[in-house]
Protein backbone atom coordinates (compact mmCIF):
# COMPACT_ATOMS: atom_id res chain seq x y z
CA MET A 1 10.66 50.42 7.90
CA LYS A 2 13.63 48.04 7.82
CA ARG A 3 11.78 45.48 9.95
CA ARG A 4 8.72 45.67 7.71
CA GLY A 5 10.93 45.21 4.62
CA ARG A 6 12.59 42.15 6.09
CA ASN A 7 9.20 40.62 6.99
CA ALA A 8 8.03 41.27 3.42
CA ARG A 9 11.06 39.36 2.11
CA LEU A 10 10.60 36.46 4.55
CA GLY A 11 6.87 36.14 3.88
CA PRO A 12 7.10 34.23 0.57
CA LEU A 13 9.87 31.99 1.95
CA LEU A 14 7.78 31.07 5.00
CA ALA A 15 4.77 30.40 2.75
CA VAL A 16 6.81 27.99 0.62
CA LEU A 17 8.18 26.26 3.71
CA ALA A 18 4.68 25.91 5.13
CA VAL A 19 3.44 24.25 1.93
CA LEU A 20 6.35 21.82 1.97
CA GLY A 21 5.94 21.01 5.65
CA PHE A 22 9.21 22.67 6.73
CA VAL A 23 7.63 25.24 9.04
CA PRO A 24 10.10 26.09 11.84
CA PRO A 25 8.88 25.69 15.44
CA GLY A 26 6.92 28.70 16.64
CA VAL A 27 6.03 30.02 13.17
CA GLU A 28 2.56 28.44 13.25
CA ALA A 29 0.34 29.68 16.04
CA GLN A 30 -1.28 26.26 16.37
CA ASP A 31 -0.06 22.74 15.67
CA ALA A 32 -1.65 20.77 12.85
CA PRO A 33 -4.49 18.49 13.99
CA ARG A 34 -3.50 14.95 14.87
CA ARG A 35 -4.55 12.44 12.22
CA GLN A 36 -6.86 9.65 13.40
CA GLY A 37 -6.54 7.53 10.27
CA THR A 38 -6.67 7.33 6.50
CA VAL A 39 -8.73 5.89 3.65
CA GLU A 40 -6.38 4.82 0.84
CA PHE A 41 -6.68 4.13 -2.88
CA PHE A 42 -3.92 1.85 -4.15
CA TYR A 43 -2.72 0.74 -7.60
CA GLY A 44 0.40 -1.27 -8.30
CA GLY A 45 1.90 -4.56 -9.37
CA TYR A 46 2.10 -8.00 -7.78
CA SER A 47 4.49 -10.78 -8.72
CA VAL A 48 3.35 -14.25 -7.56
CA ALA A 49 6.35 -16.26 -6.40
CA ASP A 50 5.26 -19.68 -7.71
CA PRO A 51 7.18 -20.59 -10.94
CA LEU A 52 4.15 -22.47 -12.33
CA PHE A 53 2.09 -19.29 -12.15
CA ASP A 54 4.61 -17.48 -14.34
CA THR A 55 4.52 -20.34 -16.87
CA VAL A 56 0.73 -20.16 -17.27
CA TYR A 57 -0.03 -16.49 -16.67
CA GLN A 58 3.27 -14.69 -17.38
CA PRO A 59 5.14 -12.79 -14.63
CA GLY A 60 3.57 -9.93 -12.73
CA GLY A 61 0.15 -8.38 -12.84
CA ALA A 62 -1.76 -5.25 -11.93
CA ILE A 63 -3.34 -5.10 -8.49
CA GLN A 64 -5.62 -2.44 -7.02
CA GLY A 65 -7.75 -1.90 -3.97
CA LEU A 66 -8.69 0.08 -0.90
CA GLY A 67 -7.04 0.46 2.48
CA PHE A 68 -7.89 1.84 5.88
CA THR A 69 -5.66 2.87 8.79
CA ALA A 70 -6.49 3.88 12.35
CA ALA A 71 -4.16 5.42 14.94
CA LEU A 72 -3.60 3.25 18.01
CA LEU A 73 -0.78 5.29 19.57
CA PRO A 74 1.02 8.51 18.45
CA HIS A 75 3.35 6.57 16.11
CA VAL A 76 1.56 3.24 15.79
CA ASP A 77 -1.27 2.44 13.35
CA PHE A 78 -3.57 -0.47 12.63
CA TYR A 79 -4.10 -1.08 8.90
CA PHE A 80 -6.48 -3.09 6.72
CA ASP A 81 -6.23 -3.63 2.93
CA LEU A 82 -8.55 -5.33 0.44
CA LYS A 83 -7.26 -5.72 -3.13
CA ALA A 84 -7.94 -7.66 -6.33
CA MET A 85 -5.81 -8.99 -9.18
CA ALA A 86 -7.10 -10.71 -12.36
CA LYS A 87 -5.02 -12.40 -15.06
CA ASN A 88 -5.62 -14.43 -18.20
CA GLY A 89 -3.28 -17.15 -19.37
CA LEU A 90 -2.94 -20.36 -21.39
CA LEU A 91 -2.79 -23.89 -19.99
CA SER A 92 0.64 -25.44 -20.43
CA HIS A 93 -0.36 -28.48 -22.53
CA SER A 94 -3.66 -27.70 -24.24
CA GLN A 95 -3.04 -23.93 -24.62
CA GLU A 96 -6.67 -23.31 -23.64
CA LYS A 97 -7.61 -20.06 -21.96
CA THR A 98 -7.53 -19.90 -18.17
CA THR A 99 -8.48 -17.06 -15.82
CA PHE A 100 -7.13 -16.39 -12.35
CA VAL A 101 -8.59 -13.93 -9.82
CA LEU A 102 -6.79 -13.25 -6.55
CA ILE A 103 -8.36 -11.30 -3.67
CA PRO A 104 -5.82 -10.55 -0.91
CA LEU A 105 -7.00 -9.27 2.46
CA SER A 106 -4.29 -7.96 4.78
CA LEU A 107 -4.25 -6.49 8.27
CA GLY A 108 -1.48 -5.59 10.65
CA ILE A 109 0.35 -3.08 12.81
CA ARG A 110 2.93 -0.55 11.65
CA GLY A 111 5.07 2.22 13.05
CA SER A 112 5.59 5.61 11.42
CA PHE A 113 7.40 8.87 12.07
CA ALA A 114 7.85 12.24 10.37
CA VAL A 115 11.04 13.33 8.58
CA ALA A 116 10.48 16.85 7.18
CA PHE A 117 7.64 16.45 4.67
CA LEU A 118 7.98 12.63 4.51
CA ARG A 119 6.32 10.03 6.76
CA PRO A 120 8.10 6.67 6.40
CA PHE A 121 6.39 3.60 7.84
CA ALA A 122 7.08 -0.10 8.30
CA GLY A 123 5.08 -2.97 9.72
CA ALA A 124 3.97 -6.58 9.56
CA GLY A 125 0.71 -8.46 9.61
CA PHE A 126 -1.61 -11.30 8.62
CA ASP A 127 -2.84 -12.23 5.11
CA TYR A 128 -5.95 -14.06 3.93
CA TYR A 129 -5.96 -14.81 0.18
CA ALA A 130 -9.03 -16.04 -1.70
CA PHE A 131 -8.62 -17.09 -5.33
CA VAL A 132 -10.62 -18.48 -8.25
CA GLU A 133 -9.16 -20.23 -11.30
CA THR A 134 -11.47 -21.00 -14.25
CA ASN A 135 -10.67 -22.97 -17.42
CA PRO A 136 -12.14 -25.82 -19.53
CA ILE A 137 -10.81 -28.40 -17.06
CA GLY A 138 -12.92 -26.92 -14.24
CA THR A 139 -13.15 -24.20 -11.63
CA VAL A 140 -11.05 -24.10 -8.48
CA VAL A 141 -12.07 -21.91 -5.54
CA ASP A 142 -9.71 -21.91 -2.60
CA LYS A 143 -8.11 -19.82 0.13
CA ALA A 144 -4.79 -19.50 1.90
CA THR A 145 -3.34 -17.69 4.88
CA GLY A 146 0.08 -16.26 5.61
CA TRP A 147 1.90 -13.15 6.72
CA HIS A 148 3.75 -10.16 5.26
CA LEU A 149 6.21 -7.34 5.78
CA VAL A 150 5.38 -3.86 4.49
CA GLY A 151 7.13 -0.52 4.20
CA GLY A 152 6.63 2.78 2.46
CA VAL A 153 6.38 6.52 2.72
CA TYR A 154 3.72 9.23 2.67
CA VAL A 155 4.40 12.68 1.22
CA GLN A 156 2.92 15.39 3.46
CA ILE A 157 1.92 18.37 1.26
CA GLY A 158 1.48 20.97 3.99
CA LYS A 159 0.64 20.09 7.57
CA ARG A 160 -3.10 20.57 7.15
CA PHE A 161 -3.57 19.21 3.63
CA PRO A 162 -5.58 15.95 3.98
CA ILE A 163 -4.52 14.21 0.73
CA LEU A 164 -1.24 12.29 1.02
CA PRO A 165 0.45 10.64 -1.99
CA PHE A 166 2.22 7.44 -0.92
CA PHE A 167 4.48 4.67 -2.20
CA ARG A 168 4.49 1.18 -0.67
CA ILE A 169 6.26 -2.17 -1.05
CA LYS A 170 5.20 -5.46 0.49
CA GLN A 171 6.59 -8.98 0.67
CA ALA A 172 3.96 -11.65 1.31
CA PHE A 173 4.53 -15.25 2.46
CA VAL A 174 1.35 -17.19 1.59
CA LYS A 175 1.04 -20.86 0.54
CA SER A 176 -2.01 -22.89 -0.41
CA ALA A 177 -2.26 -26.70 -0.28
CA ALA A 178 -2.74 -28.22 -3.76
CA GLY A 179 -2.95 -32.01 -3.97
CA ASN A 180 0.30 -33.41 -2.63
CA GLY A 181 2.11 -30.08 -2.91
CA THR A 182 1.62 -26.39 -2.34
CA ILE A 183 1.06 -23.27 -4.42
CA ASN A 184 3.16 -20.29 -3.40
CA LEU A 185 0.77 -17.34 -3.72
CA GLY A 186 3.10 -15.05 -1.84
CA GLY A 187 5.28 -12.57 -3.63
CA PHE A 188 6.42 -9.00 -4.02
CA GLU A 189 3.97 -6.11 -4.29
CA TRP A 190 4.81 -2.51 -5.18
CA GLY A 191 2.81 0.57 -6.02
CA GLY A 192 1.29 3.73 -4.67
CA GLY A 193 -1.74 5.91 -4.53
CA LEU A 194 -3.53 8.56 -2.55
CA ALA A 195 -4.54 8.54 1.11
CA ILE A 196 -7.27 10.78 2.52
CA ALA A 197 -6.39 11.60 6.12
CA PHE A 198 -8.98 12.39 8.77
């Protein structure tokens, strides 16, 4: 009777620990299935580093997109992101309306590990940025390449729950040739979203 009473008291505690991902070794009869990858929905902000961009379009802007990861090794993933950012502004001299659309494509390799119910990750990779700027002066369509550093964390809500909230930051280094100079399209990105693990 005493053993049964103790198990009854430990039951709710173990259930809470299981939901939070703190299940002690040996409590679960079977390990959680190994994740092969994720599909991710991202929303955040992006701050273009070029000072001229801030003058015309104002600092910062919303950015959103989709991502995909695939496991290469137990703690190493390949990742691919496709996002979009659109902003309206005013030309410096004429004050006429101008529109800027940026489509960043990123891919790279990252490492990750588990700490309790958190899964921090960090990596680096390649960027391809396509952009369109439209105003009364004309339309400019161009592209640029560069690289980035990325880091973040997933929140594991139970070992078998496939939806993972995440937060991510990224620093991009991307420059595009423009006449005799360059446009610095790189900058700081931050945000989060939901990942569906499979």
